[in-house]
Amino acid sequence: MSMRPDLPSFIYSAAATRELDAQIIAAGTPGFELMQRAAAAVWRELRRRWPHAGRLTVFCGGGNNGGDGYLVARLAERSGWQVQVWAVAPAERLQGDAHRAWQAARDAGVDIRCWTGEQVREGVIVDALLGTGLRAPVREPFQRAIAAINASGLPVVAVDLPSGLDADRGVADCAVRADLTVTFIVLKPGLLTGQGPDQAGELCFAALADLPASGVAPVLERLTLARCRAWLPARPRAAHKGMFGHLLVIGGNRGMGGAIMLAAETALRCGAGKVSVATRSDHVPSILARCPEVMAHGVDDPAQLAALLKPATAVVLGPGLGTDSWAQQLLDQVLAHDAPRILDADALNLIAAAPQPRPLGPGTVMTPHPRPLGPGTVMTPHPAEAARLLGCATAAVQADRLAAARRLVERFGCTAVLKGVGSLVADPDPRALPALCSAGNPGMASAGMGDVLSGLVGALLAQHLEAGAAARYAVLLHALAGDRAAEQGGQLGLIASDLISSIRYYLNLRDI
């Protein structure tokens, strides 16, 4: 999925979108005028992408989304394109502005026919079947129309969002797969997380009108570098390493030394004043050979960790940790240590495997284990790890990613990063909106990416950012670095260490 750089910073639910649309109309902009603006935006982006196609096939539903489609067809007809509209919902059922749009297309001479299952063989398809009002599984004849669009092999433009895509959750059991989506009024979360980015293709935004000053609140903030970089101020000339924290990175069980090396090197490159590593002795020579600036300690006896924890101002636990007794004892000590920390990978698996509360008798339950992790903790699970932490299936996490992120915060009392396409960050501060990262690319689906992220979060915690800010900034920097590395060398074959120099580039970028 690619996105234009002019996307707004806040994201609204489908219900909020409809409320804002109604308020814009109530404030004096007629609904048909909004529909005309929407059609003009779709037509403009369609011509930019496929200027010489010359033929348009529009699938129209029975609501305002269909009305937008009829007006796009009218614009194409007036521009001399060959236009065919397939009405999947009968025209006699159209009401209000949608009916007026159908009349306008008909009066312009657009060929409008009831769709009976015809195959589409040429031109550009406009998907104007279903909008944000979809609240139930897609039914016939829309299922067959969506299947026909997807089977056509032709370029597809979706009006507002791909038909069948859940605007809030990004779930797409039966949905159009578009090459271009032009969305209106506000951004919807389903376009940016879950299956949404794959369904939407290139995402463009058209405001259509200024948002009214109202009590309609967004559900998410989209992470932007302009906002996040202010959290880490420029260093004074009198700076010294003691001002930027001492990070302790713990992990690297037998056979897993690479993970801890990636996390430690990233932390150094991202500005931590000092970085120590606690790992199996076997890995110490390799770490020092790769990165001599790191203070590497062999900790084969977990009791040796206590002395290393004392000077640490922030801790990373998880990269290459494993789940054996050695790992469990290290986790227990970190949880007892009062310092900002990030927990990832096997640290999360150990927490998920801990005994859960169960009834002991009437009126009594076991004390939950582990105890709430606290607001100074960041956890960074991928969907399968999140499912283990929440005691549910991975599919349940992916079915509502925002709800899953919120449940992690509620259950563990810490900042949670739910990784994946459209990574989400939520924290215990009720004043802070959950955040979504719209950057990143499929090339980042490779080993070690999470270890780099852990080192980055740890470095920001060591530099005294609060957990929520550190997680947000790190997730954004990590994704932007992945995109920059992919632009330089392609997505295929992208490896975790490729990101480190680009993360440093964005950390030092002052002019945006």
Protein backbone atom coordinates (compact mmCIF):
# COMPACT_ATOMS: atom_id res chain seq x y z
CA MET A 1 0.00 0.00 0.00
CA SER A 2 1.24 3.49 -0.84
CA MET A 3 -0.08 6.72 0.58
CA ARG A 4 0.00 10.36 -0.38
CA PRO A 5 1.93 12.56 2.08
CA ASP A 6 -1.09 14.79 2.75
CA LEU A 7 -3.07 12.35 4.88
CA PRO A 8 -4.59 13.88 8.03
CA SER A 9 -3.25 13.16 11.50
CA PHE A 10 -6.46 11.89 13.11
CA ILE A 11 -8.55 8.82 12.35
CA TYR A 12 -12.27 8.45 13.01
CA SER A 13 -14.67 5.54 13.36
CA ALA A 14 -17.33 4.86 10.74
CA ALA A 15 -20.05 6.14 13.08
CA ALA A 16 -18.09 9.34 13.72
CA THR A 17 -17.57 9.77 9.97
CA ARG A 18 -21.30 9.63 9.37
CA GLU A 19 -21.90 12.10 12.20
CA LEU A 20 -19.33 14.53 10.79
CA ASP A 21 -20.89 14.21 7.34
CA ALA A 22 -24.29 15.07 8.82
CA GLN A 23 -22.85 18.05 10.68
CA ILE A 24 -21.19 19.40 7.53
CA ILE A 25 -24.53 19.22 5.74
CA ALA A 26 -26.35 20.82 8.69
CA ALA A 27 -23.78 23.65 8.66
CA GLY A 28 -24.77 24.60 5.14
CA THR A 29 -23.02 22.38 2.60
CA PRO A 30 -25.73 20.41 0.72
CA GLY A 31 -25.33 16.65 0.58
CA PHE A 32 -25.44 16.67 -3.21
CA GLU A 33 -22.62 19.22 -3.28
CA LEU A 34 -20.51 16.88 -1.11
CA MET A 35 -21.36 14.06 -3.49
CA GLN A 36 -20.22 16.13 -6.46
CA ARG A 37 -16.96 16.99 -4.70
CA ALA A 38 -16.38 13.34 -3.91
CA ALA A 39 -16.95 12.34 -7.52
CA ALA A 40 -14.61 15.07 -8.73
CA ALA A 41 -11.89 13.83 -6.36
CA VAL A 42 -12.25 10.25 -7.60
CA TRP A 43 -12.22 11.35 -11.23
CA ARG A 44 -9.13 13.51 -10.68
CA GLU A 45 -7.16 10.68 -9.05
CA LEU A 46 -8.40 8.14 -11.60
CA ARG A 47 -7.15 10.27 -14.50
CA ARG A 48 -3.83 10.85 -12.75
CA ARG A 49 -3.30 7.10 -12.39
CA TRP A 50 -4.74 5.93 -15.74
CA PRO A 51 -4.90 8.99 -18.00
CA HIS A 52 -5.27 7.07 -21.26
CA ALA A 53 -7.65 4.27 -20.26
CA GLY A 54 -10.59 5.80 -22.13
CA ARG A 55 -13.13 3.31 -20.79
CA LEU A 56 -14.87 3.17 -17.43
CA THR A 57 -17.07 0.55 -15.84
CA VAL A 58 -18.86 1.67 -12.68
CA PHE A 59 -20.54 -0.67 -10.19
CA CYS A 60 -23.13 1.25 -8.20
CA GLY A 61 -24.93 0.26 -5.02
CA GLY A 62 -28.06 1.70 -3.53
CA GLY A 63 -26.72 4.30 -1.08
CA ASN A 64 -24.69 7.48 -1.24
CA ASN A 65 -21.62 5.48 -2.23
CA GLY A 66 -23.54 4.48 -5.35
CA GLY A 67 -24.50 8.11 -5.85
CA ASP A 68 -20.83 9.04 -5.92
CA GLY A 69 -20.34 6.38 -8.59
CA TYR A 70 -23.12 7.74 -10.80
CA LEU A 71 -21.54 11.19 -10.68
CA VAL A 72 -18.09 9.79 -11.53
CA ALA A 73 -19.73 8.14 -14.54
CA ARG A 74 -21.24 11.46 -15.58
CA LEU A 75 -17.84 13.17 -15.42
CA ALA A 76 -16.26 10.42 -17.52
CA GLU A 77 -19.08 10.58 -20.07
CA ARG A 78 -18.62 14.33 -20.42
CA SER A 79 -14.88 13.80 -20.96
CA GLY A 80 -15.52 11.52 -23.92
CA TRP A 81 -14.78 8.19 -22.24
CA GLN A 82 -16.82 5.09 -22.98
CA VAL A 83 -18.84 4.52 -19.83
CA GLN A 84 -20.91 1.59 -18.62
CA VAL A 85 -22.72 1.67 -15.27
CA TRP A 86 -23.90 -1.57 -13.72
CA ALA A 87 -26.64 -0.89 -11.17
CA VAL A 88 -26.37 -3.66 -8.59
CA ALA A 89 -29.18 -2.04 -6.59
CA PRO A 90 -32.32 -1.17 -8.63
CA ALA A 91 -32.56 2.53 -9.46
CA GLU A 92 -36.17 2.72 -8.26
CA ARG A 93 -34.96 2.04 -4.71
CA LEU A 94 -32.57 4.99 -4.65
CA GLN A 95 -33.48 7.88 -2.39
CA GLY A 96 -32.42 11.46 -1.78
CA ASP A 97 -29.08 12.56 -3.15
CA ALA A 98 -28.31 9.10 -4.55
CA HIS A 99 -31.49 9.23 -6.66
CA ARG A 100 -30.59 12.71 -7.84
CA ALA A 101 -27.12 11.47 -8.83
CA TRP A 102 -28.66 8.62 -10.84
CA GLN A 103 -30.90 11.09 -12.64
CA ALA A 104 -27.91 13.33 -13.42
CA ALA A 105 -25.98 10.42 -14.94
CA ARG A 106 -29.01 9.24 -16.92
CA ASP A 107 -29.67 12.76 -18.26
CA ALA A 108 -25.99 13.02 -19.31
CA GLY A 109 -26.49 9.96 -21.52
CA VAL A 110 -24.62 7.43 -19.39
CA ASP A 111 -25.47 3.81 -20.28
CA ILE A 112 -27.00 2.43 -17.06
CA ARG A 113 -28.10 -1.19 -16.86
CA CYS A 114 -29.10 -3.61 -14.12
CA TRP A 115 -26.23 -5.96 -13.39
CA THR A 116 -27.02 -9.63 -13.99
CA GLY A 117 -23.57 -11.16 -13.64
CA GLU A 118 -21.80 -9.90 -16.76
CA GLN A 119 -18.04 -10.16 -16.94
CA VAL A 120 -16.00 -6.97 -17.27
CA ARG A 121 -13.19 -7.25 -19.81
CA GLU A 122 -11.62 -3.81 -20.36
CA GLY A 123 -11.12 -0.35 -18.93
CA VAL A 124 -10.97 0.88 -15.34
CA ILE A 125 -13.51 -0.32 -12.78
CA VAL A 126 -15.01 2.06 -10.23
CA ASP A 127 -16.23 0.32 -7.08
CA ALA A 128 -19.15 2.35 -5.70
CA LEU A 129 -21.10 -0.53 -4.19
CA LEU A 130 -20.93 -0.27 -0.41
CA GLY A 131 -19.68 2.46 1.92
CA THR A 132 -19.07 2.95 5.64
CA GLY A 133 -22.68 2.07 6.44
CA LEU A 134 -22.04 -1.66 6.02
CA ARG A 135 -22.91 -3.33 9.36
CA ALA A 136 -23.47 -6.95 8.36
CA PRO A 137 -21.80 -9.58 6.17
CA VAL A 138 -21.99 -8.81 2.45
CA ARG A 139 -25.05 -10.37 0.83
CA GLU A 140 -26.08 -11.18 -2.71
CA PRO A 141 -26.04 -9.74 -5.30
CA PHE A 142 -23.11 -7.74 -3.89
CA GLN A 143 -21.07 -10.87 -3.18
CA ARG A 144 -21.19 -11.83 -6.86
CA ALA A 145 -20.44 -8.26 -7.96
CA ILE A 146 -17.38 -8.11 -5.70
CA ALA A 147 -16.23 -11.48 -7.00
CA ALA A 148 -16.64 -10.27 -10.59
CA ILE A 149 -14.62 -7.11 -9.89
CA ASN A 150 -11.81 -9.07 -8.27
CA ALA A 151 -11.77 -11.67 -11.04
CA SER A 152 -11.64 -9.11 -13.85
CA GLY A 153 -7.90 -8.47 -13.68
CA LEU A 154 -8.62 -4.80 -14.43
CA PRO A 155 -7.49 -1.75 -12.45
CA VAL A 156 -9.97 -0.86 -9.70
CA VAL A 157 -10.74 2.46 -8.00
CA ALA A 158 -12.66 2.24 -4.73
CA VAL A 159 -14.93 5.11 -3.71
CA ASP A 160 -14.30 6.00 -0.03
CA LEU A 161 -13.27 2.44 0.88
CA PRO A 162 -13.23 -0.94 -0.86
CA SER A 163 -16.72 -2.44 -0.74
CA GLY A 164 -17.02 -5.09 1.96
CA LEU A 165 -14.09 -3.82 4.03
CA ASP A 166 -14.98 -3.14 7.67
CA ALA A 167 -14.22 0.57 8.06
CA ASP A 168 -13.37 0.23 11.74
CA ARG A 169 -11.53 -3.09 12.02
CA GLY A 170 -9.91 -3.64 8.62
CA VAL A 171 -11.57 -7.04 8.26
CA ALA A 172 -12.32 -8.15 4.72
CA ASP A 173 -14.14 -11.49 4.50
CA CYS A 174 -15.67 -10.52 1.16
CA ALA A 175 -14.26 -7.26 -0.17
CA VAL A 176 -13.05 -5.55 -3.30
CA ARG A 177 -9.30 -5.52 -3.80
CA ALA A 178 -8.58 -2.06 -5.18
CA ASP A 179 -5.53 -0.54 -6.82
CA LEU A 180 -6.54 2.94 -5.68
CA THR A 181 -8.87 4.14 -2.94
CA VAL A 182 -10.02 7.74 -2.60
CA THR A 183 -11.44 8.27 0.87
CA PHE A 184 -13.43 11.29 2.04
CA ILE A 185 -14.10 13.56 5.05
CA VAL A 186 -11.75 11.73 7.46
CA LEU A 187 -9.48 8.70 7.58
CA LYS A 188 -11.03 5.43 8.75
CA PRO A 189 -8.97 2.93 10.78
CA GLY A 190 -9.93 -0.04 8.63
CA LEU A 191 -8.05 1.45 5.68
CA LEU A 192 -4.77 1.49 7.63
CA THR A 193 -4.65 -1.70 9.67
CA GLY A 194 -5.56 -5.37 9.41
CA GLN A 195 -6.38 -6.36 5.84
CA GLY A 196 -7.26 -2.79 4.90
CA PRO A 197 -3.97 -1.72 3.30
CA ASP A 198 -3.92 -4.78 1.03
CA GLN A 199 -7.52 -4.12 -0.04
CA ALA A 200 -7.16 -0.37 -0.51
CA GLY A 201 -4.05 -0.17 -2.69
CA GLU A 202 -2.83 3.40 -3.10
CA LEU A 203 -4.66 5.57 -0.58
CA CYS A 204 -5.64 9.15 -1.38
CA PHE A 205 -7.61 11.55 0.80
CA ALA A 206 -10.08 14.28 -0.09
CA ALA A 207 -11.48 16.39 2.77
CA LEU A 208 -14.45 17.70 0.72
CA ALA A 209 -15.15 20.33 3.42
CA ASP A 210 -13.69 21.76 6.60
CA LEU A 211 -14.51 19.66 9.65
CA PRO A 212 -16.97 21.35 12.00
CA ALA A 213 -15.96 22.24 15.54
CA SER A 214 -17.87 19.52 17.33
CA GLY A 215 -17.71 16.94 20.06
CA VAL A 216 -16.97 14.13 17.60
CA ALA A 217 -13.70 12.61 18.77
CA PRO A 218 -11.18 10.59 16.75
CA VAL A 219 -10.37 7.04 17.78
CA LEU A 220 -6.70 7.12 16.73
CA GLU A 221 -3.85 9.48 16.05
CA ARG A 222 -1.71 8.78 12.99
CA LEU A 223 1.96 8.96 13.89
CA THR A 224 3.89 11.73 12.12
CA LEU A 225 7.54 12.68 12.33
CA ALA A 226 6.70 16.38 12.71
CA ARG A 227 4.93 15.66 15.98
CA CYS A 228 7.09 12.88 17.41
CA ARG A 229 10.51 14.45 16.88
CA ALA A 230 9.71 17.23 19.36
CA TRP A 231 9.80 14.64 22.15
CA LEU A 232 13.57 14.23 21.78
CA PRO A 233 15.12 17.73 21.88
CA ALA A 234 18.43 18.69 20.32
CA ARG A 235 21.41 18.05 22.58
CA PRO A 236 23.24 20.92 24.27
CA ARG A 237 26.86 21.53 23.41
CA ALA A 238 27.81 20.60 26.98
CA ALA A 239 26.25 17.14 26.60
CA HIS A 240 27.98 14.07 28.04
CA LYS A 241 27.10 10.38 27.94
CA GLY A 242 25.77 10.35 31.47
CA MET A 243 22.89 12.58 30.39
CA PHE A 244 21.48 9.97 28.02
CA GLY A 245 21.09 6.93 30.20
CA HIS A 246 22.63 3.53 30.71
CA LEU A 247 20.66 0.86 28.88
CA LEU A 248 20.96 -2.80 29.82
CA VAL A 249 19.99 -5.22 27.04
CA ILE A 250 19.30 -8.75 28.28
CA GLY A 251 18.90 -11.89 26.20
CA GLY A 252 20.80 -14.01 23.74
CA ASN A 253 20.33 -17.53 25.04
CA ARG A 254 22.34 -20.34 23.48
CA GLY A 255 22.13 -20.23 19.68
CA MET A 256 20.36 -16.85 19.66
CA GLY A 257 23.17 -14.33 19.94
CA GLY A 258 22.25 -12.42 16.80
CA ALA A 259 19.08 -10.98 18.33
CA ILE A 260 20.87 -9.39 21.25
CA MET A 261 23.57 -7.97 18.95
CA LEU A 262 20.95 -6.28 16.78
CA ALA A 263 19.16 -4.77 19.77
CA ALA A 264 22.39 -3.51 21.36
CA GLU A 265 23.83 -1.99 18.20
CA THR A 266 20.54 -0.27 17.43
CA ALA A 267 20.43 1.19 20.93
CA LEU A 268 23.92 2.68 20.55
CA ARG A 269 23.12 4.08 17.12
CA CYS A 270 19.95 5.66 18.51
CA GLY A 271 21.60 7.75 21.16
CA ALA A 272 21.72 5.81 24.43
CA GLY A 273 24.63 7.16 26.48
CA LYS A 274 25.92 3.73 27.46
CA VAL A 275 24.79 0.24 26.48
CA SER A 276 25.54 -2.92 28.42
CA VAL A 277 24.60 -6.44 27.35
CA ALA A 278 23.87 -9.36 29.63
CA THR A 279 24.00 -12.59 27.65
CA ARG A 280 25.43 -16.08 27.53
CA SER A 281 29.22 -16.04 27.71
CA ASP A 282 29.45 -17.72 24.31
CA HIS A 283 28.20 -14.54 22.63
CA VAL A 284 30.48 -11.99 24.28
CA PRO A 285 33.39 -12.26 21.79
CA SER A 286 31.06 -11.87 18.80
CA ILE A 287 29.34 -8.84 20.31
CA LEU A 288 32.63 -7.10 21.05
CA ALA A 289 33.94 -7.88 17.58
CA ARG A 290 30.83 -6.42 15.96
CA CYS A 291 30.36 -3.45 18.27
CA PRO A 292 33.25 -2.67 20.65
CA GLU A 293 31.37 0.31 22.10
CA VAL A 294 29.04 -2.13 23.91
CA MET A 295 29.93 -3.38 27.39
CA ALA A 296 29.27 -7.11 27.05
CA HIS A 297 28.89 -9.34 30.10
CA GLY A 298 28.64 -13.10 30.24
CA VAL A 299 25.78 -14.03 32.56
CA ASP A 300 25.56 -17.80 32.64
CA ASP A 301 24.45 -17.69 36.28
CA PRO A 302 21.27 -15.60 36.56
CA ALA A 303 22.45 -14.35 39.96
CA GLN A 304 25.09 -12.31 38.11
CA LEU A 305 22.39 -10.07 36.67
CA ALA A 306 21.70 -8.22 39.94
CA ALA A 307 24.94 -6.22 39.81
CA LEU A 308 24.29 -5.19 36.21
CA LEU A 309 20.75 -4.04 36.93
CA LYS A 310 21.77 -1.58 39.65
CA PRO A 311 23.29 1.11 37.37
CA ALA A 312 20.78 0.57 34.54
CA THR A 313 18.39 3.43 33.90
CA ALA A 314 16.42 1.41 31.34
CA VAL A 315 16.22 -2.26 30.41
CA VAL A 316 15.48 -4.29 27.29
CA LEU A 317 14.49 -7.91 27.91
CA GLY A 318 13.53 -10.46 25.29
CA PRO A 319 15.71 -10.60 22.17
CA GLY A 320 16.88 -14.21 21.88
CA LEU A 321 15.92 -14.83 25.52
CA GLY A 322 14.47 -18.32 25.23
CA THR A 323 12.00 -19.81 27.69
CA ASP A 324 14.16 -22.04 29.91
CA SER A 325 14.94 -21.63 33.62
CA TRP A 326 17.77 -19.19 32.86
CA ALA A 327 15.35 -16.94 30.98
CA GLN A 328 12.67 -17.16 33.66
CA GLN A 329 15.08 -16.13 36.41
CA LEU A 330 16.25 -13.14 34.38
CA LEU A 331 12.64 -12.09 33.79
CA ASP A 332 11.83 -12.32 37.51
CA GLN A 333 14.71 -10.01 38.35
CA VAL A 334 13.79 -7.47 35.67
CA LEU A 335 10.18 -7.36 36.85
CA ALA A 336 11.44 -6.65 40.38
CA HIS A 337 13.77 -3.87 39.18
CA ASP A 338 12.30 -0.37 39.26
CA ALA A 339 13.36 1.11 35.91
CA PRO A 340 11.73 1.82 32.54
CA ARG A 341 11.80 -1.33 30.45
CA ILE A 342 10.71 -2.92 27.24
CA LEU A 343 9.58 -6.54 27.16
CA ASP A 344 9.54 -8.37 23.84
CA ALA A 345 9.68 -11.83 22.26
CA ASP A 346 10.27 -14.62 24.78
CA ALA A 347 9.86 -12.29 27.74
CA LEU A 348 6.23 -11.97 26.62
CA ASN A 349 5.91 -15.71 26.04
CA LEU A 350 7.10 -16.35 29.59
CA ILE A 351 4.58 -13.88 30.95
CA ALA A 352 1.82 -15.46 28.89
CA ALA A 353 2.74 -18.93 30.19
CA ALA A 354 2.56 -17.84 33.85
CA PRO A 355 -0.28 -19.31 35.92
CA GLN A 356 -3.53 -17.43 35.48
CA PRO A 357 -6.06 -16.62 38.23
CA ARG A 358 -8.37 -19.52 39.04
CA PRO A 359 -10.99 -20.10 41.75
CA LEU A 360 -9.70 -21.49 45.05
CA GLY A 361 -13.07 -21.60 46.75
CA PRO A 362 -16.12 -19.46 47.43
CA GLY A 363 -15.18 -15.79 47.28
CA THR A 364 -11.43 -16.29 46.69
CA VAL A 365 -9.14 -16.26 43.68
CA MET A 366 -5.43 -16.60 43.16
CA THR A 367 -3.39 -13.42 42.95
CA PRO A 368 -2.81 -12.74 39.24
CA HIS A 369 0.67 -13.48 37.98
CA PRO A 370 2.46 -11.52 36.82
CA ARG A 371 1.43 -8.35 38.64
CA PRO A 372 0.56 -5.30 36.51
CA LEU A 373 3.71 -4.29 34.69
CA GLY A 374 3.28 -0.58 35.30
CA PRO A 375 3.24 2.60 33.20
CA GLY A 376 7.04 2.56 32.78
CA THR A 377 6.87 -0.70 30.81
CA VAL A 378 6.51 -1.13 27.05
CA MET A 379 5.50 -4.49 25.57
CA THR A 380 5.77 -5.11 21.83
CA PRO A 381 3.89 -8.29 20.86
CA HIS A 382 3.11 -9.42 17.36
CA PRO A 383 -0.44 -10.78 16.92
CA ALA A 384 0.39 -14.37 17.96
CA GLU A 385 2.18 -13.15 21.10
CA ALA A 386 -0.71 -10.81 21.86
CA ALA A 387 -3.12 -13.73 21.55
CA ARG A 388 -1.10 -15.75 24.05
CA LEU A 389 -1.04 -12.82 26.46
CA LEU A 390 -4.81 -12.36 26.15
CA GLY A 391 -5.67 -16.06 26.17
CA CYS A 392 -7.41 -15.99 22.80
CA ALA A 393 -6.82 -17.01 19.18
CA THR A 394 -4.62 -14.97 16.87
CA ALA A 395 -7.61 -14.56 14.57
CA ALA A 396 -9.51 -12.86 17.39
CA VAL A 397 -6.70 -10.33 17.80
CA GLN A 398 -6.66 -9.61 14.07
CA ALA A 399 -10.45 -9.35 13.95
CA ASP A 400 -10.27 -6.18 16.08
CA ARG A 401 -6.70 -4.99 16.49
CA LEU A 402 -7.54 -1.76 18.28
CA ALA A 403 -9.67 -3.58 20.85
CA ALA A 404 -6.86 -6.09 21.38
CA ALA A 405 -4.33 -3.31 22.00
CA ARG A 406 -6.66 -1.74 24.52
CA ARG A 407 -7.18 -5.07 26.28
CA LEU A 408 -3.42 -5.50 26.61
CA VAL A 409 -3.18 -2.10 28.30
CA GLU A 410 -6.09 -2.87 30.61
CA ARG A 411 -4.74 -6.28 31.58
CA PHE A 412 -1.08 -5.43 32.07
CA GLY A 413 -1.21 -1.74 32.99
CA CYS A 414 1.55 -0.75 30.54
CA THR A 415 2.12 0.67 27.08
CA ALA A 416 1.36 -1.90 24.40
CA VAL A 417 2.60 -1.96 20.81
CA LEU A 418 0.58 -4.37 18.69
CA LYS A 419 2.88 -4.96 15.74
CA GLY A 420 1.79 -5.74 12.20
CA VAL A 421 0.49 -3.73 9.27
CA GLY A 422 -0.78 -0.50 10.80
CA SER A 423 1.04 -1.08 14.10
CA LEU A 424 -0.92 0.28 17.06
CA VAL A 425 0.35 1.90 20.25
CA ALA A 426 -1.85 2.29 23.34
CA ASP A 427 -0.92 3.28 26.86
CA PRO A 428 -2.58 3.64 30.29
CA ASP A 429 -2.84 7.45 30.12
CA PRO A 430 -6.56 8.14 29.55
CA ARG A 431 -5.69 11.49 27.98
CA ALA A 432 -3.62 9.91 25.21
CA LEU A 433 -5.24 8.67 22.02
CA PRO A 434 -4.05 5.29 20.79
CA ALA A 435 -1.74 5.79 17.82
CA LEU A 436 -1.45 4.08 14.43
CA CYS A 437 1.63 3.89 12.23
CA SER A 438 0.77 4.05 8.54
CA ALA A 439 4.40 3.62 7.38
CA GLY A 440 6.19 0.31 6.79
CA ASN A 441 6.26 -2.30 4.04
CA PRO A 442 6.09 -6.08 3.49
CA GLY A 443 9.86 -6.32 3.17
CA MET A 444 10.03 -5.86 6.93
CA ALA A 445 8.54 -9.32 7.45
CA SER A 446 11.93 -10.82 8.22
CA ALA A 447 13.87 -12.07 11.23
CA GLY A 448 15.38 -9.53 13.60
CA MET A 449 13.07 -6.60 12.87
CA GLY A 450 11.55 -6.85 16.35
CA ASP A 451 15.01 -6.89 17.93
CA VAL A 452 15.88 -3.62 16.19
CA LEU A 453 12.62 -2.12 17.43
CA SER A 454 13.36 -3.28 20.98
CA GLY A 455 16.78 -1.65 20.92
CA LEU A 456 15.27 1.56 19.56
CA VAL A 457 12.57 1.72 22.25
CA GLY A 458 15.20 0.99 24.89
CA ALA A 459 17.44 3.80 23.64
CA LEU A 460 14.57 6.29 23.82
CA LEU A 461 13.62 5.12 27.32
CA ALA A 462 17.26 5.55 28.37
CA GLN A 463 17.10 9.13 27.04
CA HIS A 464 14.24 9.79 29.46
CA LEU A 465 11.25 9.66 27.15
CA GLU A 466 8.11 8.41 28.86
CA ALA A 467 7.04 4.93 27.85
CA GLY A 468 4.14 6.02 25.66
CA ALA A 469 6.21 8.59 23.79
CA ALA A 470 9.18 6.23 23.42
CA ALA A 471 6.95 3.52 21.96
CA ARG A 472 5.22 5.88 19.53
CA TYR A 473 8.42 7.50 18.29
CA ALA A 474 10.23 4.17 17.99
CA VAL A 475 7.44 2.51 16.03
CA LEU A 476 7.36 5.43 13.58
CA LEU A 477 11.15 5.64 13.17
CA HIS A 478 11.36 1.87 12.65
CA ALA A 479 8.69 1.90 9.94
CA LEU A 480 10.07 4.97 8.16
CA ALA A 481 13.53 3.42 8.19
CA GLY A 482 12.10 0.26 6.66
CA ASP A 483 10.53 2.29 3.88
CA ARG A 484 13.74 4.22 3.23
CA ALA A 485 15.80 1.03 3.14
CA ALA A 486 13.29 -0.53 0.73
CA GLU A 487 13.42 2.52 -1.54
CA GLN A 488 17.21 2.24 -1.67
CA GLY A 489 17.46 -1.50 -2.32
CA GLY A 490 13.99 -2.98 -2.76
CA GLN A 491 11.72 -4.84 -0.37
CA LEU A 492 12.81 -8.35 -1.23
CA GLY A 493 15.89 -9.29 0.78
CA LEU A 494 15.52 -6.44 3.27
CA ILE A 495 17.14 -7.46 6.57
CA ALA A 496 16.91 -5.97 10.03
CA SER A 497 20.39 -4.46 10.14
CA ASP A 498 19.58 -2.51 6.96
CA LEU A 499 17.30 -0.30 9.06
CA ILE A 500 19.83 0.92 11.60
CA SER A 501 21.49 3.63 9.49
CA SER A 502 18.10 4.91 8.31
CA ILE A 503 16.76 5.10 11.87
CA ARG A 504 19.78 7.23 12.72
CA TYR A 505 19.06 9.38 9.64
CA TYR A 506 15.52 10.14 10.80
CA LEU A 507 16.61 10.76 14.39
CA ASN A 508 18.98 13.43 13.14
CA LEU A 509 16.56 14.94 10.61
CA ARG A 510 15.70 18.40 11.91
CA ASP A 511 14.05 20.00 8.87
CA ILE A 512 10.77 18.35 7.90
